[in-house]
């Protein structure tokens, strides 16, 4: 009888060191953002689970059940980052078998004492009508960035706050969308392609907007890895092609006086922050 036992994987999957929950009565983005900032300080593997819209006692008790199940399964206390505003909901979740990090209690209560004013303890306060103009600006910026992704439109480039340029797959699109979604920045992006290098000049549509340009570059080895995920084994993804394009793009940026940074080892958040520092728009305080 043939041996049907599966061969062991050449790359064993390592179990996470700890399960982490982000619990919120809203989207959970605030808890997740803060939690990520803290967790990156530890060289451990985390299994991350977001529990959003915990806005009733039933949902709070269910969240406790999920957290406790993780404790039983892992044999370790889960880490719980919570931004539950209502005290009764927070009290329920705090009695789970997790290590509880209450961001509201940690920051709001000391501020109440310092300011001498009680907080509203209102759920979703950051997304109310007072922010409607800001919200509309972000939606408008997202639509602009989508319409001007990868050089697909030359219209209204004068309205752009920044135009990102660089070789294909250097991080232009995700950075543009992040700037639009988080800050309401109208960010267009344009690829620099071999035809531009052969002509020895920027795409014609960009020449009059040189002050708005910001370049992204990337190490050829990393670029080849990224491109191979999309088109494996192609000339487009070959290390030789990547070296050629990166070298020519960087020469063009230097020649044209375009501000530039490498996206190789930086997160989208880091890239966006550096772009914001460089463009220093007067539209709003970023």
C-alpha atoms as a PDB file:
ATOM      1  CA  UNK A   1       0.000   0.000   0.000  1.00  0.00           C
ATOM      2  CA  UNK A   2       1.474   3.369  -0.978  1.00  0.00           C
ATOM      3  CA  UNK A   3       2.369   5.797   1.764  1.00  0.00           C
ATOM      4  CA  UNK A   4      -0.266   8.562   1.632  1.00  0.00           C
ATOM      5  CA  UNK A   5       1.109  10.564   4.512  1.00  0.00           C
ATOM      6  CA  UNK A   6       1.659  14.196   3.482  1.00  0.00           C
ATOM      7  CA  UNK A   7       5.246  15.317   3.332  1.00  0.00           C
ATOM      8  CA  UNK A   8       6.191  17.928   5.909  1.00  0.00           C
ATOM      9  CA  UNK A   9       6.154  21.482   4.629  1.00  0.00           C
ATOM     10  CA  UNK A  10       9.520  22.906   3.663  1.00  0.00           C
ATOM     11  CA  UNK A  11       8.415  26.189   5.246  1.00  0.00           C
ATOM     12  CA  UNK A  12       6.558  25.409   8.494  1.00  0.00           C
ATOM     13  CA  UNK A  13       3.998  27.966   9.550  1.00  0.00           C
ATOM     14  CA  UNK A  14       4.893  29.400  12.938  1.00  0.00           C
ATOM     15  CA  UNK A  15       2.017  29.894  15.335  1.00  0.00           C
ATOM     16  CA  UNK A  16       1.547  33.456  16.577  1.00  0.00           C
ATOM     17  CA  UNK A  17       2.953  34.259  20.005  1.00  0.00           C
ATOM     18  CA  UNK A  18      -0.243  35.946  21.160  1.00  0.00           C
ATOM     19  CA  UNK A  19      -3.751  36.817  19.950  1.00  0.00           C
ATOM     20  CA  UNK A  20      -4.641  40.526  19.930  1.00  0.00           C
ATOM     21  CA  UNK A  21      -8.157  41.986  19.833  1.00  0.00           C
ATOM     22  CA  UNK A  22      -9.136  45.517  18.845  1.00  0.00           C
ATOM     23  CA  UNK A  23     -12.545  46.180  20.418  1.00  0.00           C
ATOM     24  CA  UNK A  24     -14.603  49.256  19.596  1.00  0.00           C
ATOM     25  CA  UNK A  25     -18.134  50.606  19.470  1.00  0.00           C
ATOM     26  CA  UNK A  26     -17.133  52.136  16.108  1.00  0.00           C
ATOM     27  CA  UNK A  27     -14.956  50.877  13.276  1.00  0.00           C
ATOM     28  CA  UNK A  28     -12.054  49.876  15.525  1.00  0.00           C
ATOM     29  CA  UNK A  29      -9.557  51.771  13.396  1.00  0.00           C
ATOM     30  CA  UNK A  30      -8.401  53.972  16.281  1.00  0.00           C
ATOM     31  CA  UNK A  31      -7.782  50.980  18.549  1.00  0.00           C
ATOM     32  CA  UNK A  32      -6.035  49.131  15.734  1.00  0.00           C
ATOM     33  CA  UNK A  33      -3.823  52.083  14.809  1.00  0.00           C
ATOM     34  CA  UNK A  34      -2.738  52.634  18.406  1.00  0.00           C
ATOM     35  CA  UNK A  35      -2.313  48.912  18.984  1.00  0.00           C
ATOM     36  CA  UNK A  36      -0.098  48.528  15.929  1.00  0.00           C
ATOM     37  CA  UNK A  37       2.108  51.387  17.097  1.00  0.00           C
ATOM     38  CA  UNK A  38       2.643  49.605  20.409  1.00  0.00           C
ATOM     39  CA  UNK A  39       2.971  46.062  19.066  1.00  0.00           C
ATOM     40  CA  UNK A  40       5.667  46.985  16.544  1.00  0.00           C
ATOM     41  CA  UNK A  41       7.973  47.536  19.505  1.00  0.00           C
ATOM     42  CA  UNK A  42       7.992  43.766  20.108  1.00  0.00           C
ATOM     43  CA  UNK A  43       9.620  41.247  17.775  1.00  0.00           C
ATOM     44  CA  UNK A  44       6.792  38.746  18.148  1.00  0.00           C
ATOM     45  CA  UNK A  45       4.101  37.336  15.882  1.00  0.00           C
ATOM     46  CA  UNK A  46       0.554  38.433  16.653  1.00  0.00           C
ATOM     47  CA  UNK A  47      -2.777  37.137  15.420  1.00  0.00           C
ATOM     48  CA  UNK A  48      -4.902  40.270  15.114  1.00  0.00           C
ATOM     49  CA  UNK A  49      -8.706  40.284  15.310  1.00  0.00           C
ATOM     50  CA  UNK A  50     -10.879  43.389  15.067  1.00  0.00           C
ATOM     51  CA  UNK A  51     -14.242  43.405  16.885  1.00  0.00           C
ATOM     52  CA  UNK A  52     -16.022  46.561  15.655  1.00  0.00           C
ATOM     53  CA  UNK A  53     -19.457  48.018  16.448  1.00  0.00           C
ATOM     54  CA  UNK A  54     -19.693  46.540  19.951  1.00  0.00           C
ATOM     55  CA  UNK A  55     -22.524  48.914  20.889  1.00  0.00           C
ATOM     56  CA  UNK A  56     -24.906  46.730  22.923  1.00  0.00           C
ATOM     57  CA  UNK A  57     -24.570  44.574  26.026  1.00  0.00           C
ATOM     58  CA  UNK A  58     -25.301  41.446  23.981  1.00  0.00           C
ATOM     59  CA  UNK A  59     -22.449  42.265  21.612  1.00  0.00           C
ATOM     60  CA  UNK A  60     -20.156  43.030  24.541  1.00  0.00           C
ATOM     61  CA  UNK A  61     -20.890  39.640  26.119  1.00  0.00           C
ATOM     62  CA  UNK A  62     -20.280  37.942  22.766  1.00  0.00           C
ATOM     63  CA  UNK A  63     -16.936  39.762  22.493  1.00  0.00           C
ATOM     64  CA  UNK A  64     -16.007  38.409  25.923  1.00  0.00           C
ATOM     65  CA  UNK A  65     -16.887  34.905  24.737  1.00  0.00           C
ATOM     66  CA  UNK A  66     -14.643  35.262  21.682  1.00  0.00           C
ATOM     67  CA  UNK A  67     -11.767  36.603  23.785  1.00  0.00           C
ATOM     68  CA  UNK A  68     -12.152  33.832  26.357  1.00  0.00           C
ATOM     69  CA  UNK A  69     -12.169  31.195  23.612  1.00  0.00           C
ATOM     70  CA  UNK A  70      -8.843  32.554  22.401  1.00  0.00           C
ATOM     71  CA  UNK A  71      -7.490  32.247  25.934  1.00  0.00           C
ATOM     72  CA  UNK A  72      -8.594  28.607  26.165  1.00  0.00           C
ATOM     73  CA  UNK A  73      -7.201  27.827  22.737  1.00  0.00           C
ATOM     74  CA  UNK A  74      -3.826  29.571  23.136  1.00  0.00           C
ATOM     75  CA  UNK A  75      -3.228  28.990  26.821  1.00  0.00           C
ATOM     76  CA  UNK A  76      -2.141  32.639  27.021  1.00  0.00           C
ATOM     77  CA  UNK A  77      -4.027  35.818  27.835  1.00  0.00           C
ATOM     78  CA  UNK A  78      -5.063  37.664  24.667  1.00  0.00           C
ATOM     79  CA  UNK A  79      -4.143  41.352  24.459  1.00  0.00           C
ATOM     80  CA  UNK A  80      -7.241  43.563  24.214  1.00  0.00           C
ATOM     81  CA  UNK A  81      -7.032  47.149  22.960  1.00  0.00           C
ATOM     82  CA  UNK A  82     -10.393  48.804  23.649  1.00  0.00           C
ATOM     83  CA  UNK A  83     -11.927  52.134  22.655  1.00  0.00           C
ATOM     84  CA  UNK A  84     -15.374  51.445  24.094  1.00  0.00           C
ATOM     85  CA  UNK A  85     -16.841  54.770  25.183  1.00  0.00           C
ATOM     86  CA  UNK A  86     -19.829  53.558  27.229  1.00  0.00           C
ATOM     87  CA  UNK A  87     -18.808  52.519  30.721  1.00  0.00           C
ATOM     88  CA  UNK A  88     -21.255  49.593  30.944  1.00  0.00           C
ATOM     89  CA  UNK A  89     -19.902  48.022  27.740  1.00  0.00           C
ATOM     90  CA  UNK A  90     -16.308  48.607  28.780  1.00  0.00           C
ATOM     91  CA  UNK A  91     -17.002  47.038  32.179  1.00  0.00           C
ATOM     92  CA  UNK A  92     -18.273  43.836  30.543  1.00  0.00           C
ATOM     93  CA  UNK A  93     -15.274  43.475  28.229  1.00  0.00           C
ATOM     94  CA  UNK A  94     -12.860  44.279  31.048  1.00  0.00           C
ATOM     95  CA  UNK A  95     -13.993  41.066  32.787  1.00  0.00           C
ATOM     96  CA  UNK A  96     -12.770  38.873  29.936  1.00  0.00           C
ATOM     97  CA  UNK A  97      -9.702  36.682  30.313  1.00  0.00           C
ATOM     98  CA  UNK A  98      -7.620  39.091  28.259  1.00  0.00           C
ATOM     99  CA  UNK A  99      -5.044  41.698  29.240  1.00  0.00           C
ATOM    100  CA  UNK A 100      -7.192  44.806  28.884  1.00  0.00           C
ATOM    101  CA  UNK A 101      -5.833  48.117  27.487  1.00  0.00           C
ATOM    102  CA  UNK A 102      -8.636  50.694  27.813  1.00  0.00           C
ATOM    103  CA  UNK A 103      -7.599  53.680  25.700  1.00  0.00           C
ATOM    104  CA  UNK A 104     -10.635  55.763  26.727  1.00  0.00           C
ATOM    105  CA  UNK A 105     -10.063  55.301  30.449  1.00  0.00           C
ATOM    106  CA  UNK A 106      -6.331  55.839  30.062  1.00  0.00           C
ATOM    107  CA  UNK A 107      -6.606  59.172  28.265  1.00  0.00           C
ATOM    108  CA  UNK A 108     -10.093  60.638  28.707  1.00  0.00           C
ATOM    109  CA  UNK A 109     -10.361  60.428  32.494  1.00  0.00           C
ATOM    110  CA  UNK A 110      -7.020  62.196  33.178  1.00  0.00           C
ATOM    111  CA  UNK A 111      -8.046  64.890  30.679  1.00  0.00           C
ATOM    112  CA  UNK A 112     -11.371  65.356  32.465  1.00  0.00           C
ATOM    113  CA  UNK A 113      -9.450  66.035  35.683  1.00  0.00           C
ATOM    114  CA  UNK A 114      -6.979  68.360  33.990  1.00  0.00           C
ATOM    115  CA  UNK A 115      -9.596  70.323  32.034  1.00  0.00           C
ATOM    116  CA  UNK A 116     -12.192  70.331  34.786  1.00  0.00           C
ATOM    117  CA  UNK A 117     -14.855  69.279  32.286  1.00  0.00           C
ATOM    118  CA  UNK A 118     -16.698  65.992  31.857  1.00  0.00           C
ATOM    119  CA  UNK A 119     -16.337  64.419  28.428  1.00  0.00           C
ATOM    120  CA  UNK A 120     -19.490  63.749  26.415  1.00  0.00           C
ATOM    121  CA  UNK A 121     -18.855  59.963  26.345  1.00  0.00           C
ATOM    122  CA  UNK A 122     -20.568  60.038  22.964  1.00  0.00           C
ATOM    123  CA  UNK A 123     -20.036  57.132  20.572  1.00  0.00           C
ATOM    124  CA  UNK A 124     -18.688  58.103  17.130  1.00  0.00           C
ATOM    125  CA  UNK A 125     -17.997  61.701  18.153  1.00  0.00           C
ATOM    126  CA  UNK A 126     -15.128  61.969  15.677  1.00  0.00           C
ATOM    127  CA  UNK A 127     -17.460  61.306  12.744  1.00  0.00           C
ATOM    128  CA  UNK A 128     -20.330  63.674  13.480  1.00  0.00           C
ATOM    129  CA  UNK A 129     -21.743  66.517  11.407  1.00  0.00           C
ATOM    130  CA  UNK A 130     -19.061  68.936  12.618  1.00  0.00           C
ATOM    131  CA  UNK A 131     -16.602  67.061  10.407  1.00  0.00           C
ATOM    132  CA  UNK A 132     -18.835  67.035   7.320  1.00  0.00           C
ATOM    133  CA  UNK A 133     -16.656  69.488   5.349  1.00  0.00           C
ATOM    134  CA  UNK A 134     -13.561  67.461   6.135  1.00  0.00           C
ATOM    135  CA  UNK A 135     -15.352  64.284   5.102  1.00  0.00           C
ATOM    136  CA  UNK A 136     -16.463  65.815   1.796  1.00  0.00           C
ATOM    137  CA  UNK A 137     -12.909  66.976   1.123  1.00  0.00           C
ATOM    138  CA  UNK A 138     -11.622  63.444   1.661  1.00  0.00           C
ATOM    139  CA  UNK A 139     -14.244  61.952  -0.671  1.00  0.00           C
ATOM    140  CA  UNK A 140     -13.365  64.542  -3.321  1.00  0.00           C
ATOM    141  CA  UNK A 141      -9.661  63.774  -2.901  1.00  0.00           C
ATOM    142  CA  UNK A 142     -10.273  60.010  -3.201  1.00  0.00           C
ATOM    143  CA  UNK A 143     -12.221  60.513  -6.429  1.00  0.00           C
ATOM    144  CA  UNK A 144      -9.439  62.745  -7.753  1.00  0.00           C
ATOM    145  CA  UNK A 145      -6.738  60.208  -6.909  1.00  0.00           C
ATOM    146  CA  UNK A 146      -8.672  57.352  -8.519  1.00  0.00           C
ATOM    147  CA  UNK A 147      -9.249  59.404 -11.680  1.00  0.00           C
ATOM    148  CA  UNK A 148      -5.555  60.318 -11.864  1.00  0.00           C
ATOM    149  CA  UNK A 149      -4.088  56.926 -10.981  1.00  0.00           C
ATOM    150  CA  UNK A 150      -1.229  55.643 -13.117  1.00  0.00           C
ATOM    151  CA  UNK A 151      -1.378  58.642 -15.456  1.00  0.00           C
ATOM    152  CA  UNK A 152      -4.805  57.730 -16.836  1.00  0.00           C
ATOM    153  CA  UNK A 153      -5.952  61.371 -16.951  1.00  0.00           C
ATOM    154  CA  UNK A 154      -4.199  64.689 -17.576  1.00  0.00           C
ATOM    155  CA  UNK A 155      -7.256  66.784 -16.778  1.00  0.00           C
ATOM    156  CA  UNK A 156      -7.280  69.158 -13.792  1.00  0.00           C
ATOM    157  CA  UNK A 157      -3.695  68.401 -12.782  1.00  0.00           C
ATOM    158  CA  UNK A 158      -3.497  72.029 -11.705  1.00  0.00           C
ATOM    159  CA  UNK A 159      -5.806  71.019  -8.823  1.00  0.00           C
ATOM    160  CA  UNK A 160      -3.399  68.361  -7.566  1.00  0.00           C
ATOM    161  CA  UNK A 161      -1.654  68.976  -4.251  1.00  0.00           C
ATOM    162  CA  UNK A 162       1.079  66.544  -5.273  1.00  0.00           C
ATOM    163  CA  UNK A 163       1.908  64.353  -8.283  1.00  0.00           C
ATOM    164  CA  UNK A 164       3.859  61.216  -7.421  1.00  0.00           C
ATOM    165  CA  UNK A 165       6.222  59.879 -10.085  1.00  0.00           C
ATOM    166  CA  UNK A 166       8.329  56.746 -10.248  1.00  0.00           C
ATOM    167  CA  UNK A 167       8.706  53.402 -11.987  1.00  0.00           C
ATOM    168  CA  UNK A 168       5.842  50.939 -12.005  1.00  0.00           C
ATOM    169  CA  UNK A 169       5.246  49.228  -8.607  1.00  0.00           C
ATOM    170  CA  UNK A 170       7.289  51.678  -6.555  1.00  0.00           C
ATOM    171  CA  UNK A 171       4.352  52.495  -4.239  1.00  0.00           C
ATOM    172  CA  UNK A 172       2.690  55.426  -5.995  1.00  0.00           C
ATOM    173  CA  UNK A 173      -0.916  54.192  -6.011  1.00  0.00           C
ATOM    174  CA  UNK A 174      -1.245  53.105  -2.357  1.00  0.00           C
ATOM    175  CA  UNK A 175       0.484  56.299  -1.215  1.00  0.00           C
ATOM    176  CA  UNK A 176      -1.850  58.448  -3.326  1.00  0.00           C
ATOM    177  CA  UNK A 177      -4.946  56.762  -1.933  1.00  0.00           C
ATOM    178  CA  UNK A 178      -3.664  56.900   1.643  1.00  0.00           C
ATOM    179  CA  UNK A 179      -3.002  60.642   1.320  1.00  0.00           C
ATOM    180  CA  UNK A 180      -6.513  61.140  -0.049  1.00  0.00           C
ATOM    181  CA  UNK A 181      -8.331  58.972   2.502  1.00  0.00           C
ATOM    182  CA  UNK A 182      -6.469  60.134   5.590  1.00  0.00           C
ATOM    183  CA  UNK A 183      -5.691  63.775   4.811  1.00  0.00           C
ATOM    184  CA  UNK A 184      -7.890  64.891   1.922  1.00  0.00           C
ATOM    185  CA  UNK A 185      -4.813  65.441  -0.257  1.00  0.00           C
ATOM    186  CA  UNK A 186      -5.460  65.422  -3.999  1.00  0.00           C
ATOM    187  CA  UNK A 187      -2.628  63.166  -5.122  1.00  0.00           C
ATOM    188  CA  UNK A 188      -2.166  62.145  -8.746  1.00  0.00           C
ATOM    189  CA  UNK A 189       0.465  59.631  -9.791  1.00  0.00           C
ATOM    190  CA  UNK A 190       2.352  59.060 -13.022  1.00  0.00           C
ATOM    191  CA  UNK A 191       4.536  56.122 -14.022  1.00  0.00           C
ATOM    192  CA  UNK A 192       7.974  56.700 -15.508  1.00  0.00           C
ATOM    193  CA  UNK A 193       8.361  54.169 -18.332  1.00  0.00           C
ATOM    194  CA  UNK A 194      11.207  53.121 -20.686  1.00  0.00           C
ATOM    195  CA  UNK A 195       9.836  55.373 -23.447  1.00  0.00           C
ATOM    196  CA  UNK A 196      10.348  58.387 -21.166  1.00  0.00           C
ATOM    197  CA  UNK A 197      13.957  57.349 -20.563  1.00  0.00           C
ATOM    198  CA  UNK A 198      14.586  56.913 -24.299  1.00  0.00           C
ATOM    199  CA  UNK A 199      13.243  60.430 -24.942  1.00  0.00           C
ATOM    200  CA  UNK A 200      15.284  61.715 -22.033  1.00  0.00           C
ATOM    201  CA  UNK A 201      12.503  63.858 -20.602  1.00  0.00           C
ATOM    202  CA  UNK A 202       9.419  63.761 -18.396  1.00  0.00           C
ATOM    203  CA  UNK A 203       5.992  62.921 -19.830  1.00  0.00           C
ATOM    204  CA  UNK A 204       4.734  66.049 -21.555  1.00  0.00           C
ATOM    205  CA  UNK A 205       1.761  66.518 -19.255  1.00  0.00           C
ATOM    206  CA  UNK A 206       4.037  66.924 -16.241  1.00  0.00           C
ATOM    207  CA  UNK A 207       6.494  69.540 -17.472  1.00  0.00           C
ATOM    208  CA  UNK A 208       4.375  72.516 -16.383  1.00  0.00           C
ATOM    209  CA  UNK A 209       3.713  71.027 -12.925  1.00  0.00           C
ATOM    210  CA  UNK A 210       7.292  70.340 -11.898  1.00  0.00           C
ATOM    211  CA  UNK A 211       6.841  72.057  -8.531  1.00  0.00           C
ATOM    212  CA  UNK A 212       4.091  69.569  -7.656  1.00  0.00           C
ATOM    213  CA  UNK A 213       6.191  66.478  -8.451  1.00  0.00           C
ATOM    214  CA  UNK A 214       7.500  64.107  -5.800  1.00  0.00           C
ATOM    215  CA  UNK A 215       9.478  61.021  -6.768  1.00  0.00           C
ATOM    216  CA  UNK A 216       9.406  57.521  -5.307  1.00  0.00           C
ATOM    217  CA  UNK A 217      12.245  55.130  -5.998  1.00  0.00           C
ATOM    218  CA  UNK A 218      12.981  51.599  -4.813  1.00  0.00           C
ATOM    219  CA  UNK A 219      15.880  49.149  -4.715  1.00  0.00           C
ATOM    220  CA  UNK A 220      15.956  47.027  -7.909  1.00  0.00           C
ATOM    221  CA  UNK A 221      16.026  43.727  -5.981  1.00  0.00           C
ATOM    222  CA  UNK A 222      12.867  44.642  -4.078  1.00  0.00           C
ATOM    223  CA  UNK A 223      11.200  45.947  -7.248  1.00  0.00           C
ATOM    224  CA  UNK A 224      11.916  42.645  -8.996  1.00  0.00           C
ATOM    225  CA  UNK A 225      10.311  40.750  -6.099  1.00  0.00           C
ATOM    226  CA  UNK A 226       7.181  42.909  -6.233  1.00  0.00           C
ATOM    227  CA  UNK A 227       6.851  42.663 -10.005  1.00  0.00           C
ATOM    228  CA  UNK A 228       7.367  38.890  -9.980  1.00  0.00           C
ATOM    229  CA  UNK A 229       4.322  38.590  -7.730  1.00  0.00           C
ATOM    230  CA  UNK A 230       2.298  40.210 -10.506  1.00  0.00           C
ATOM    231  CA  UNK A 231       3.995  38.891 -13.662  1.00  0.00           C
ATOM    232  CA  UNK A 232       6.367  36.079 -12.706  1.00  0.00           C
ATOM    233  CA  UNK A 233       9.235  35.301 -15.053  1.00  0.00           C
ATOM    234  CA  UNK A 234       8.551  38.274 -17.337  1.00  0.00           C
ATOM    235  CA  UNK A 235      11.059  40.767 -18.723  1.00  0.00           C
ATOM    236  CA  UNK A 236       9.099  43.403 -16.807  1.00  0.00           C
ATOM    237  CA  UNK A 237      10.044  41.654 -13.542  1.00  0.00           C
ATOM    238  CA  UNK A 238      13.618  40.707 -14.433  1.00  0.00           C
ATOM    239  CA  UNK A 239      16.373  42.138 -12.260  1.00  0.00           C
ATOM    240  CA  UNK A 240      18.102  43.570 -15.342  1.00  0.00           C
ATOM    241  CA  UNK A 241      14.986  45.502 -16.373  1.00  0.00           C
ATOM    242  CA  UNK A 242      14.396  46.699 -12.825  1.00  0.00           C
ATOM    243  CA  UNK A 243      17.981  47.933 -12.483  1.00  0.00           C
ATOM    244  CA  UNK A 244      17.719  49.769 -15.794  1.00  0.00           C
ATOM    245  CA  UNK A 245      14.408  51.486 -14.959  1.00  0.00           C
ATOM    246  CA  UNK A 246      15.385  52.478 -11.415  1.00  0.00           C
ATOM    247  CA  UNK A 247      18.740  53.853 -12.578  1.00  0.00           C
ATOM    248  CA  UNK A 248      17.179  55.862 -15.399  1.00  0.00           C
ATOM    249  CA  UNK A 249      14.326  57.138 -13.228  1.00  0.00           C
ATOM    250  CA  UNK A 250      16.720  58.339 -10.532  1.00  0.00           C
ATOM    251  CA  UNK A 251      18.898  60.073 -13.146  1.00  0.00           C
ATOM    252  CA  UNK A 252      15.831  61.813 -14.562  1.00  0.00           C
ATOM    253  CA  UNK A 253      14.693  62.959 -11.110  1.00  0.00           C
ATOM    254  CA  UNK A 254      18.133  64.392 -10.346  1.00  0.00           C
ATOM    255  CA  UNK A 255      18.298  66.104 -13.716  1.00  0.00           C
ATOM    256  CA  UNK A 256      14.816  67.630 -13.333  1.00  0.00           C
ATOM    257  CA  UNK A 257      15.349  68.621  -9.679  1.00  0.00           C
ATOM    258  CA  UNK A 258      12.485  66.433  -8.416  1.00  0.00           C
ATOM    259  CA  UNK A 259      12.330  65.725  -4.685  1.00  0.00           C
ATOM    260  CA  UNK A 260      12.649  61.999  -4.160  1.00  0.00           C
ATOM    261  CA  UNK A 261      12.707  59.269  -1.508  1.00  0.00           C
ATOM    262  CA  UNK A 262      13.082  55.480  -1.446  1.00  0.00           C
ATOM    263  CA  UNK A 263      10.001  53.432  -0.600  1.00  0.00           C
ATOM    264  CA  UNK A 264      11.978  50.199  -0.173  1.00  0.00           C
ATOM    265  CA  UNK A 265      11.796  49.773   3.596  1.00  0.00           C
ATOM    266  CA  UNK A 266       9.182  52.392   4.493  1.00  0.00           C
ATOM    267  CA  UNK A 267       5.516  51.866   5.289  1.00  0.00           C
ATOM    268  CA  UNK A 268       2.795  53.757   3.431  1.00  0.00           C
ATOM    269  CA  UNK A 269       2.276  55.860   6.566  1.00  0.00           C
ATOM    270  CA  UNK A 270       5.956  56.857   6.650  1.00  0.00           C
ATOM    271  CA  UNK A 271       6.023  57.690   2.944  1.00  0.00           C
ATOM    272  CA  UNK A 272       2.859  59.785   3.231  1.00  0.00           C
ATOM    273  CA  UNK A 273       4.218  61.695   6.221  1.00  0.00           C
ATOM    274  CA  UNK A 274       7.416  62.579   4.361  1.00  0.00           C
ATOM    275  CA  UNK A 275       5.404  63.689   1.319  1.00  0.00           C
ATOM    276  CA  UNK A 276       3.258  65.917   3.540  1.00  0.00           C
ATOM    277  CA  UNK A 277       6.334  67.479   5.104  1.00  0.00           C
ATOM    278  CA  UNK A 278       7.733  68.230   1.681  1.00  0.00           C
ATOM    279  CA  UNK A 279       4.684  69.692  -0.033  1.00  0.00           C
ATOM    280  CA  UNK A 280       3.754  71.943   2.937  1.00  0.00           C
ATOM    281  CA  UNK A 281       0.394  72.831   1.427  1.00  0.00           C
ATOM    282  CA  UNK A 282      -1.421  75.872   2.791  1.00  0.00           C
ATOM    283  CA  UNK A 283      -4.775  74.140   2.298  1.00  0.00           C
ATOM    284  CA  UNK A 284      -4.847  72.734   5.816  1.00  0.00           C
ATOM    285  CA  UNK A 285      -2.558  71.904   8.697  1.00  0.00           C
ATOM    286  CA  UNK A 286      -1.598  68.267   8.153  1.00  0.00           C
END
